Amino acid sequence: MKETIRKIAEQTPLTKKMNVFDVVKEGKDSYAVYIESLDGITIDDCSTVSKYIRDHLPENTQIELTVSSVGLDKPLRSPIQFQQNIGQTVEVETSEHKKVTGTLISYTPEFIIVSVKGKKKETKEYQFNFNEIKKVRIKLF
């Protein structure tokens, strides 16, 4: 069912380019769809996607469905998320469990660059290749 929901959601006609970030099974017949766009996601976008999915599911399908934008608490995974968050404070955890907190200043499909201010106000840039990153999160506080 997750793949069916994803395929339908990806076909939703919106006036902006939208990507399906994830479809999560939350219960027996409960699913959450997370969408994203460089132009941002509105409540109307979520409503449109939800209605489109419901209208295109097989007849008599009984599920609980939630559609929302990707929350700030989710790790960054997609190119859109990295592009949208350039300039934001992020925490990078490497596969070796090293954590670095700084400003995301650059993104490419191969790596990100994070700028970190030292104790003496000097700035150092760190490049993290994606194969060495465990996760990247927005640092809210």
C-alpha atoms as a PDB file:
ATOM      1  CA  MET A   1       0.000   0.000   0.000  1.00  0.00           C
ATOM      2  CA  LYS A   2       2.903   2.380   0.755  1.00  0.00           C
ATOM      3  CA  GLU A   3       4.165   2.188  -2.831  1.00  0.00           C
ATOM      4  CA  THR A   4       0.654   2.646  -4.226  1.00  0.00           C
ATOM      5  CA  ILE A   5       0.187   5.771  -2.106  1.00  0.00           C
ATOM      6  CA  ARG A   6       3.637   7.089  -3.136  1.00  0.00           C
ATOM      7  CA  LYS A   7       2.950   6.573  -6.857  1.00  0.00           C
ATOM      8  CA  ILE A   8      -0.425   8.305  -6.647  1.00  0.00           C
ATOM      9  CA  ALA A   9       0.989  11.193  -4.590  1.00  0.00           C
ATOM     10  CA  GLU A  10       3.819  11.706  -7.104  1.00  0.00           C
ATOM     11  CA  GLN A  11       1.227  12.174  -9.876  1.00  0.00           C
ATOM     12  CA  THR A  12      -0.713  14.893  -8.029  1.00  0.00           C
ATOM     13  CA  PRO A  13      -1.090  17.928 -10.308  1.00  0.00           C
ATOM     14  CA  LEU A  14       0.156  20.975  -8.401  1.00  0.00           C
ATOM     15  CA  THR A  15       1.137  24.403  -9.718  1.00  0.00           C
ATOM     16  CA  LYS A  16       4.643  23.871  -8.264  1.00  0.00           C
ATOM     17  CA  LYS A  17       7.243  21.130  -8.454  1.00  0.00           C
ATOM     18  CA  MET A  18       6.675  18.833  -5.483  1.00  0.00           C
ATOM     19  CA  ASN A  19       8.497  15.719  -4.317  1.00  0.00           C
ATOM     20  CA  VAL A  20       7.257  12.942  -2.083  1.00  0.00           C
ATOM     21  CA  PHE A  21       9.858  12.786   0.670  1.00  0.00           C
ATOM     22  CA  ASP A  22       8.499   9.717   2.441  1.00  0.00           C
ATOM     23  CA  VAL A  23       5.440   7.553   3.027  1.00  0.00           C
ATOM     24  CA  VAL A  24       5.313   6.061   6.504  1.00  0.00           C
ATOM     25  CA  LYS A  25       2.998   3.332   7.755  1.00  0.00           C
ATOM     26  CA  GLU A  26       1.969   4.552  11.202  1.00  0.00           C
ATOM     27  CA  GLY A  27      -0.565   1.903  12.144  1.00  0.00           C
ATOM     28  CA  LYS A  28      -2.593  -0.992  10.754  1.00  0.00           C
ATOM     29  CA  ASP A  29      -4.449   1.175   8.220  1.00  0.00           C
ATOM     30  CA  SER A  30      -2.786   4.533   8.853  1.00  0.00           C
ATOM     31  CA  TYR A  31      -0.271   6.285   6.601  1.00  0.00           C
ATOM     32  CA  ALA A  32       1.570   9.607   6.647  1.00  0.00           C
ATOM     33  CA  VAL A  33       2.802  11.208   3.428  1.00  0.00           C
ATOM     34  CA  TYR A  34       5.556  13.837   3.679  1.00  0.00           C
ATOM     35  CA  ILE A  35       5.954  16.218   0.750  1.00  0.00           C
ATOM     36  CA  GLU A  36       8.474  18.953  -0.041  1.00  0.00           C
ATOM     37  CA  SER A  37       9.092  21.711  -2.566  1.00  0.00           C
ATOM     38  CA  LEU A  38      11.691  24.421  -3.080  1.00  0.00           C
ATOM     39  CA  ASP A  39       8.720  26.801  -3.183  1.00  0.00           C
ATOM     40  CA  GLY A  40       7.493  25.608   0.216  1.00  0.00           C
ATOM     41  CA  ILE A  41       4.439  23.540   1.071  1.00  0.00           C
ATOM     42  CA  THR A  42       1.122  25.097   2.080  1.00  0.00           C
ATOM     43  CA  ILE A  43      -1.920  23.626   3.795  1.00  0.00           C
ATOM     44  CA  ASP A  44      -3.710  23.832   0.435  1.00  0.00           C
ATOM     45  CA  ASP A  45      -0.943  21.741  -1.165  1.00  0.00           C
ATOM     46  CA  CYS A  46      -1.340  19.088   1.538  1.00  0.00           C
ATOM     47  CA  SER A  47      -5.109  19.116   1.084  1.00  0.00           C
ATOM     48  CA  THR A  48      -4.788  18.775  -2.704  1.00  0.00           C
ATOM     49  CA  VAL A  49      -2.394  15.822  -2.399  1.00  0.00           C
ATOM     50  CA  SER A  50      -4.607  14.134   0.204  1.00  0.00           C
ATOM     51  CA  LYS A  51      -7.732  14.507  -1.925  1.00  0.00           C
ATOM     52  CA  TYR A  52      -5.907  13.313  -5.054  1.00  0.00           C
ATOM     53  CA  ILE A  53      -4.640  10.194  -3.262  1.00  0.00           C
ATOM     54  CA  ARG A  54      -8.096   9.386  -1.860  1.00  0.00           C
ATOM     55  CA  ASP A  55      -9.735   9.901  -5.267  1.00  0.00           C
ATOM     56  CA  HIS A  56      -7.257   7.542  -6.956  1.00  0.00           C
ATOM     57  CA  LEU A  57      -7.038   4.689  -4.451  1.00  0.00           C
ATOM     58  CA  PRO A  58      -8.885   1.496  -5.321  1.00  0.00           C
ATOM     59  CA  GLU A  59     -12.594   1.680  -4.516  1.00  0.00           C
ATOM     60  CA  ASN A  60     -13.563   0.817  -0.912  1.00  0.00           C
ATOM     61  CA  THR A  61     -10.003   1.357   0.387  1.00  0.00           C
ATOM     62  CA  GLN A  62     -10.319   2.256   4.052  1.00  0.00           C
ATOM     63  CA  ILE A  63      -7.223   4.025   5.386  1.00  0.00           C
ATOM     64  CA  GLU A  64      -6.379   6.935   7.619  1.00  0.00           C
ATOM     65  CA  LEU A  65      -4.194   9.362   5.672  1.00  0.00           C
ATOM     66  CA  THR A  66      -2.166  12.376   6.767  1.00  0.00           C
ATOM     67  CA  VAL A  67      -0.292  14.598   4.330  1.00  0.00           C
ATOM     68  CA  SER A  68       2.158  17.221   5.591  1.00  0.00           C
ATOM     69  CA  SER A  69       5.393  18.964   4.798  1.00  0.00           C
ATOM     70  CA  VAL A  70       8.633  17.503   6.063  1.00  0.00           C
ATOM     71  CA  GLY A  71       9.054  18.684   9.648  1.00  0.00           C
ATOM     72  CA  LEU A  72      12.113  20.430  11.027  1.00  0.00           C
ATOM     73  CA  ASP A  73      12.641  17.486  13.353  1.00  0.00           C
ATOM     74  CA  LYS A  74      13.321  15.120  10.438  1.00  0.00           C
ATOM     75  CA  PRO A  75      16.931  14.574   9.318  1.00  0.00           C
ATOM     76  CA  LEU A  76      17.863  16.241   6.040  1.00  0.00           C
ATOM     77  CA  ARG A  77      18.024  13.659   3.264  1.00  0.00           C
ATOM     78  CA  SER A  78      16.959  15.130  -0.051  1.00  0.00           C
ATOM     79  CA  PRO A  79      18.582  17.735  -2.301  1.00  0.00           C
ATOM     80  CA  ILE A  80      15.589  20.049  -1.804  1.00  0.00           C
ATOM     81  CA  GLN A  81      16.032  19.973   1.974  1.00  0.00           C
ATOM     82  CA  PHE A  82      19.740  20.777   1.751  1.00  0.00           C
ATOM     83  CA  GLN A  83      19.130  23.590  -0.762  1.00  0.00           C
ATOM     84  CA  GLN A  84      16.335  25.097   1.342  1.00  0.00           C
ATOM     85  CA  ASN A  85      18.448  25.073   4.485  1.00  0.00           C
ATOM     86  CA  ILE A  86      21.635  26.727   3.236  1.00  0.00           C
ATOM     87  CA  GLY A  87      22.393  29.406   5.821  1.00  0.00           C
ATOM     88  CA  GLN A  88      20.756  27.469   8.658  1.00  0.00           C
ATOM     89  CA  THR A  89      22.502  26.015  11.693  1.00  0.00           C
ATOM     90  CA  VAL A  90      22.847  22.246  11.353  1.00  0.00           C
ATOM     91  CA  GLU A  91      24.272  19.402  13.380  1.00  0.00           C
ATOM     92  CA  VAL A  92      26.200  16.846  11.339  1.00  0.00           C
ATOM     93  CA  GLU A  93      26.772  13.408  12.821  1.00  0.00           C
ATOM     94  CA  THR A  94      29.379  11.355  11.006  1.00  0.00           C
ATOM     95  CA  SER A  95      29.369   7.592  10.666  1.00  0.00           C
ATOM     96  CA  GLU A  96      32.157   7.663  13.285  1.00  0.00           C
ATOM     97  CA  HIS A  97      29.760   9.431  15.738  1.00  0.00           C
ATOM     98  CA  LYS A  98      31.579  12.779  15.591  1.00  0.00           C
ATOM     99  CA  LYS A  99      29.162  15.732  15.853  1.00  0.00           C
ATOM    100  CA  VAL A 100      29.816  19.134  14.319  1.00  0.00           C
ATOM    101  CA  THR A 101      27.443  22.092  14.651  1.00  0.00           C
ATOM    102  CA  GLY A 102      27.717  25.027  12.278  1.00  0.00           C
ATOM    103  CA  THR A 103      26.151  26.874   9.361  1.00  0.00           C
ATOM    104  CA  LEU A 104      25.345  24.920   6.209  1.00  0.00           C
ATOM    105  CA  ILE A 105      27.009  27.014   3.501  1.00  0.00           C
ATOM    106  CA  SER A 106      27.137  24.706   0.493  1.00  0.00           C
ATOM    107  CA  TYR A 107      25.530  21.591  -0.950  1.00  0.00           C
ATOM    108  CA  THR A 108      26.459  19.363  -3.884  1.00  0.00           C
ATOM    109  CA  PRO A 109      25.234  15.823  -4.596  1.00  0.00           C
ATOM    110  CA  GLU A 110      28.593  14.542  -3.293  1.00  0.00           C
ATOM    111  CA  PHE A 111      29.176  16.657  -0.172  1.00  0.00           C
ATOM    112  CA  ILE A 112      28.143  19.532   2.084  1.00  0.00           C
ATOM    113  CA  ILE A 113      30.255  22.306   3.582  1.00  0.00           C
ATOM    114  CA  VAL A 114      29.604  23.529   7.120  1.00  0.00           C
ATOM    115  CA  SER A 115      31.151  26.682   8.585  1.00  0.00           C
ATOM    116  CA  VAL A 116      31.984  26.525  12.308  1.00  0.00           C
ATOM    117  CA  LYS A 117      32.924  29.500  14.501  1.00  0.00           C
ATOM    118  CA  GLY A 118      35.676  28.754  16.982  1.00  0.00           C
ATOM    119  CA  LYS A 119      36.148  30.069  20.513  1.00  0.00           C
ATOM    120  CA  LYS A 120      38.313  32.927  19.272  1.00  0.00           C
ATOM    121  CA  LYS A 121      35.705  33.918  16.642  1.00  0.00           C
ATOM    122  CA  GLU A 122      37.740  32.345  13.822  1.00  0.00           C
ATOM    123  CA  THR A 123      35.740  30.444  11.222  1.00  0.00           C
ATOM    124  CA  LYS A 124      36.677  27.024   9.901  1.00  0.00           C
ATOM    125  CA  GLU A 125      34.966  25.164   7.067  1.00  0.00           C
ATOM    126  CA  TYR A 126      34.412  21.412   7.117  1.00  0.00           C
ATOM    127  CA  GLN A 127      33.561  19.361   4.057  1.00  0.00           C
ATOM    128  CA  PHE A 128      31.542  16.201   4.688  1.00  0.00           C
ATOM    129  CA  ASN A 129      31.161  13.634   1.923  1.00  0.00           C
ATOM    130  CA  PHE A 130      27.748  11.971   2.013  1.00  0.00           C
ATOM    131  CA  ASN A 131      29.291   8.530   2.419  1.00  0.00           C
ATOM    132  CA  GLU A 132      30.706   9.628   5.794  1.00  0.00           C
ATOM    133  CA  ILE A 133      27.528  11.288   7.115  1.00  0.00           C
ATOM    134  CA  LYS A 134      25.176   9.388   9.415  1.00  0.00           C
ATOM    135  CA  LYS A 135      22.625  12.225   9.638  1.00  0.00           C
ATOM    136  CA  VAL A 136      22.186  15.977   9.354  1.00  0.00           C
ATOM    137  CA  ARG A 137      19.547  17.825  11.382  1.00  0.00           C
ATOM    138  CA  ILE A 138      18.493  21.441  11.672  1.00  0.00           C
ATOM    139  CA  LYS A 139      19.673  22.747  15.035  1.00  0.00           C
ATOM    140  CA  LEU A 140      16.674  24.575  16.498  1.00  0.00           C
ATOM    141  CA  PHE A 141      18.178  25.741  19.801  1.00  0.00           C
END
